[in-house]
């Protein structure tokens, strides 16, 4: 694994190093020892799997507030997505800045998202499948959503938006007093 820090401090693109032979391919997705090199020490306590049927669908921008703030490790196992993170750490020099990476089965990359970030993605192909590792359990009372089309963040989604959940569509736009997360 090769860890490449993004412009948003603490978030990393992880380039996987597949081993191929006549049998196929083997890839290490996680090693506690290697992740300690980026100061990751929390245990992943929940693993989720999503399938999104239609190209152009947006899921996000989701996060949990303390005490349920979580670090996420996300990979795409089928299809292709435009994966987006937004820094919502109120003391960060990149507060409300976003970063995106294309994740795909063929691309052999994952994204490491520390606490204090909202996350979402847009599918670039039908039937995109993601695996998410979380360091905190999902707690609906601590879940929050940023609007995927919030003018203050201004995410440049790459293709026409075809589907958005009611919950994501009904999220309120940020006001000037958005407090962010104090971490």
Protein backbone atom coordinates (compact mmCIF):
# COMPACT_ATOMS: atom_id res chain seq x y z
CA UNK A 1 0.00 0.00 0.00
CA UNK A 2 1.09 3.51 -0.79
CA UNK A 3 -0.48 6.38 1.20
CA UNK A 4 -0.77 9.71 -0.60
CA UNK A 5 -2.04 12.63 1.45
CA UNK A 6 -4.76 14.71 -0.19
CA UNK A 7 -4.89 18.52 -0.02
CA UNK A 8 -7.21 18.04 2.99
CA UNK A 9 -4.96 17.20 5.93
CA UNK A 10 -5.41 13.73 7.37
CA UNK A 11 -7.26 12.29 4.35
CA UNK A 12 -5.35 9.84 2.15
CA UNK A 13 -5.67 8.09 -1.16
CA UNK A 14 -4.44 4.55 -0.70
CA UNK A 15 -2.94 3.02 -3.81
CA UNK A 16 -3.19 -0.72 -3.52
CA UNK A 17 -0.40 -2.97 -4.74
CA UNK A 18 -1.95 -6.06 -6.32
CA UNK A 19 -0.02 -9.30 -6.65
CA UNK A 20 -0.95 -11.10 -9.86
CA UNK A 21 -0.12 -14.55 -11.12
CA UNK A 22 -1.76 -17.28 -13.16
CA UNK A 23 -4.37 -17.82 -10.44
CA UNK A 24 -5.57 -14.21 -10.43
CA UNK A 25 -5.02 -11.25 -8.13
CA UNK A 26 -4.39 -10.79 -4.40
CA UNK A 27 -4.60 -7.36 -2.73
CA UNK A 28 -4.12 -6.36 0.91
CA UNK A 29 -6.83 -3.87 1.89
CA UNK A 30 -5.79 -3.22 5.48
CA UNK A 31 -2.76 -3.75 7.69
CA UNK A 32 -2.79 -2.31 11.20
CA UNK A 33 1.00 -1.95 11.02
CA UNK A 34 0.96 -0.01 7.74
CA UNK A 35 -1.95 2.21 8.82
CA UNK A 36 -0.06 3.16 11.99
CA UNK A 37 2.26 5.07 9.62
CA UNK A 38 -0.55 7.61 9.09
CA UNK A 39 -1.38 7.63 12.82
CA UNK A 40 -4.47 5.45 12.46
CA UNK A 41 -4.99 3.64 15.75
CA UNK A 42 -8.75 3.18 16.12
CA UNK A 43 -10.43 -0.14 15.51
CA UNK A 44 -12.83 -0.52 12.60
CA UNK A 45 -16.06 -1.63 14.31
CA UNK A 46 -18.55 -1.70 11.44
CA UNK A 47 -18.32 -2.66 7.76
CA UNK A 48 -21.06 -1.62 5.32
CA UNK A 49 -21.69 -2.53 1.69
CA UNK A 50 -23.71 -0.46 -0.78
CA UNK A 51 -24.98 -1.15 -4.27
CA UNK A 52 -26.19 1.82 -6.29
CA UNK A 53 -28.10 0.81 -9.38
CA UNK A 54 -28.20 3.87 -11.61
CA UNK A 55 -25.36 5.88 -13.16
CA UNK A 56 -25.51 9.52 -12.03
CA UNK A 57 -26.95 8.78 -8.57
CA UNK A 58 -25.62 10.82 -5.67
CA UNK A 59 -25.40 9.50 -2.11
CA UNK A 60 -24.33 12.03 0.49
CA UNK A 61 -22.95 14.21 1.93
CA UNK A 62 -23.15 12.33 5.25
CA UNK A 63 -21.29 12.52 8.55
CA UNK A 64 -21.79 11.79 12.24
CA UNK A 65 -21.20 14.27 15.04
CA UNK A 66 -19.38 13.42 18.28
CA UNK A 67 -19.54 11.16 20.15
CA UNK A 68 -20.17 9.15 16.97
CA UNK A 69 -17.66 10.92 14.72
CA UNK A 70 -15.98 8.28 12.59
CA UNK A 71 -13.01 7.55 10.40
CA UNK A 72 -13.94 5.75 7.18
CA UNK A 73 -11.99 3.59 4.77
CA UNK A 74 -13.81 3.20 1.46
CA UNK A 75 -13.17 1.13 -1.63
CA UNK A 76 -15.11 0.40 -4.82
CA UNK A 77 -15.42 -3.31 -5.66
CA UNK A 78 -17.56 -2.93 -8.80
CA UNK A 79 -18.30 -0.08 -11.16
CA UNK A 80 -16.90 3.42 -10.79
CA UNK A 81 -17.69 6.40 -8.54
CA UNK A 82 -16.66 10.02 -8.08
CA UNK A 83 -15.98 9.96 -4.33
CA UNK A 84 -16.12 13.30 -2.48
CA UNK A 85 -15.08 14.46 0.98
CA UNK A 86 -15.70 17.85 2.62
CA UNK A 87 -13.62 19.09 5.55
CA UNK A 88 -16.03 20.23 8.28
CA UNK A 89 -13.45 20.60 11.07
CA UNK A 90 -14.09 24.15 12.22
CA UNK A 91 -10.45 24.83 13.15
CA UNK A 92 -9.03 23.44 9.91
CA UNK A 93 -7.34 25.67 7.34
CA UNK A 94 -9.35 23.79 4.69
CA UNK A 95 -12.74 24.16 6.43
CA UNK A 96 -15.57 23.58 3.87
CA UNK A 97 -13.13 22.67 1.09
CA UNK A 98 -13.81 19.51 -0.88
CA UNK A 99 -11.68 16.88 -2.59
CA UNK A 100 -12.68 14.09 -4.94
CA UNK A 101 -11.12 10.92 -6.29
CA UNK A 102 -12.39 8.37 -8.78
CA UNK A 103 -12.69 4.94 -7.22
CA UNK A 104 -13.16 1.80 -9.29
CA UNK A 105 -12.48 -1.91 -9.24
CA UNK A 106 -9.83 -1.44 -11.90
CA UNK A 107 -8.23 1.62 -10.27
CA UNK A 108 -7.03 -0.24 -7.16
CA UNK A 109 -7.44 2.77 -4.86
CA UNK A 110 -9.22 3.41 -1.59
CA UNK A 111 -9.84 6.60 0.35
CA UNK A 112 -9.12 7.12 4.04
CA UNK A 113 -11.41 9.75 5.56
CA UNK A 114 -10.66 10.94 9.10
CA UNK A 115 -13.17 12.19 11.65
CA UNK A 116 -14.51 15.63 10.80
CA UNK A 117 -15.35 15.03 7.14
CA UNK A 118 -18.62 14.66 5.28
CA UNK A 119 -18.63 11.96 2.59
CA UNK A 120 -20.62 11.23 -0.52
CA UNK A 121 -20.27 9.96 -4.06
CA UNK A 122 -21.78 9.98 -7.53
CA UNK A 123 -21.95 6.78 -9.55
CA UNK A 124 -20.20 6.96 -12.91
CA UNK A 125 -21.46 3.52 -13.95
CA UNK A 126 -24.56 1.44 -13.22
CA UNK A 127 -24.39 -1.04 -10.33
CA UNK A 128 -21.54 0.58 -8.41
CA UNK A 129 -20.61 -1.29 -5.22
CA UNK A 130 -18.70 0.17 -2.27
CA UNK A 131 -17.35 -1.29 0.94
CA UNK A 132 -17.06 1.07 3.92
CA UNK A 133 -15.10 0.42 7.11
CA UNK A 134 -16.11 2.62 10.09
CA UNK A 135 -14.48 3.33 13.45
CA UNK A 136 -17.83 4.19 15.07
CA UNK A 137 -21.22 2.56 15.02
CA UNK A 138 -24.00 4.21 13.05
CA UNK A 139 -26.16 6.28 15.37
CA UNK A 140 -29.13 7.91 13.58
CA UNK A 141 -29.43 10.60 16.26
CA UNK A 142 -25.87 11.73 15.48
CA UNK A 143 -26.11 11.59 11.68
CA UNK A 144 -26.08 14.82 9.71
CA UNK A 145 -26.23 15.66 6.00
CA UNK A 146 -24.75 18.51 3.99
CA UNK A 147 -26.62 19.37 0.79
CA UNK A 148 -24.95 17.74 -2.20
CA UNK A 149 -25.54 20.96 -4.21
CA UNK A 150 -24.79 23.52 -1.50
CA UNK A 151 -23.59 26.74 -3.13
CA UNK A 152 -21.15 27.46 -0.30
CA UNK A 153 -19.28 24.19 -0.96
CA UNK A 154 -19.88 24.09 -4.74
CA UNK A 155 -18.99 20.48 -5.53
CA UNK A 156 -18.43 19.99 -9.27
CA UNK A 157 -20.29 16.72 -9.88
CA UNK A 158 -18.91 15.31 -13.14
CA UNK A 159 -22.08 14.01 -14.82
CA UNK A 160 -25.81 14.69 -14.94
CA UNK A 161 -27.50 13.87 -11.61
CA UNK A 162 -30.14 11.17 -12.10
CA UNK A 163 -31.17 10.17 -8.57
CA UNK A 164 -30.94 11.63 -5.05
CA UNK A 165 -32.72 10.32 -1.95
CA UNK A 166 -35.44 12.40 -0.31
CA UNK A 167 -33.28 12.70 2.81
CA UNK A 168 -30.33 14.10 0.84
CA UNK A 169 -32.54 16.41 -1.23
CA UNK A 170 -34.19 17.81 1.91
CA UNK A 171 -30.93 18.66 3.70
CA UNK A 172 -30.71 22.36 4.48
CA UNK A 173 -28.16 24.61 2.81
CA UNK A 174 -25.33 25.82 5.04
CA UNK A 175 -25.79 29.20 6.63
CA UNK A 176 -22.93 31.51 7.49
CA UNK A 177 -23.01 30.26 11.09
CA UNK A 178 -22.40 26.58 10.28
CA UNK A 179 -20.39 25.52 13.33
CA UNK A 180 -18.50 22.58 11.88
CA UNK A 181 -17.16 19.86 14.11
CA UNK A 182 -14.85 20.66 17.01
CA UNK A 183 -12.19 17.92 16.97
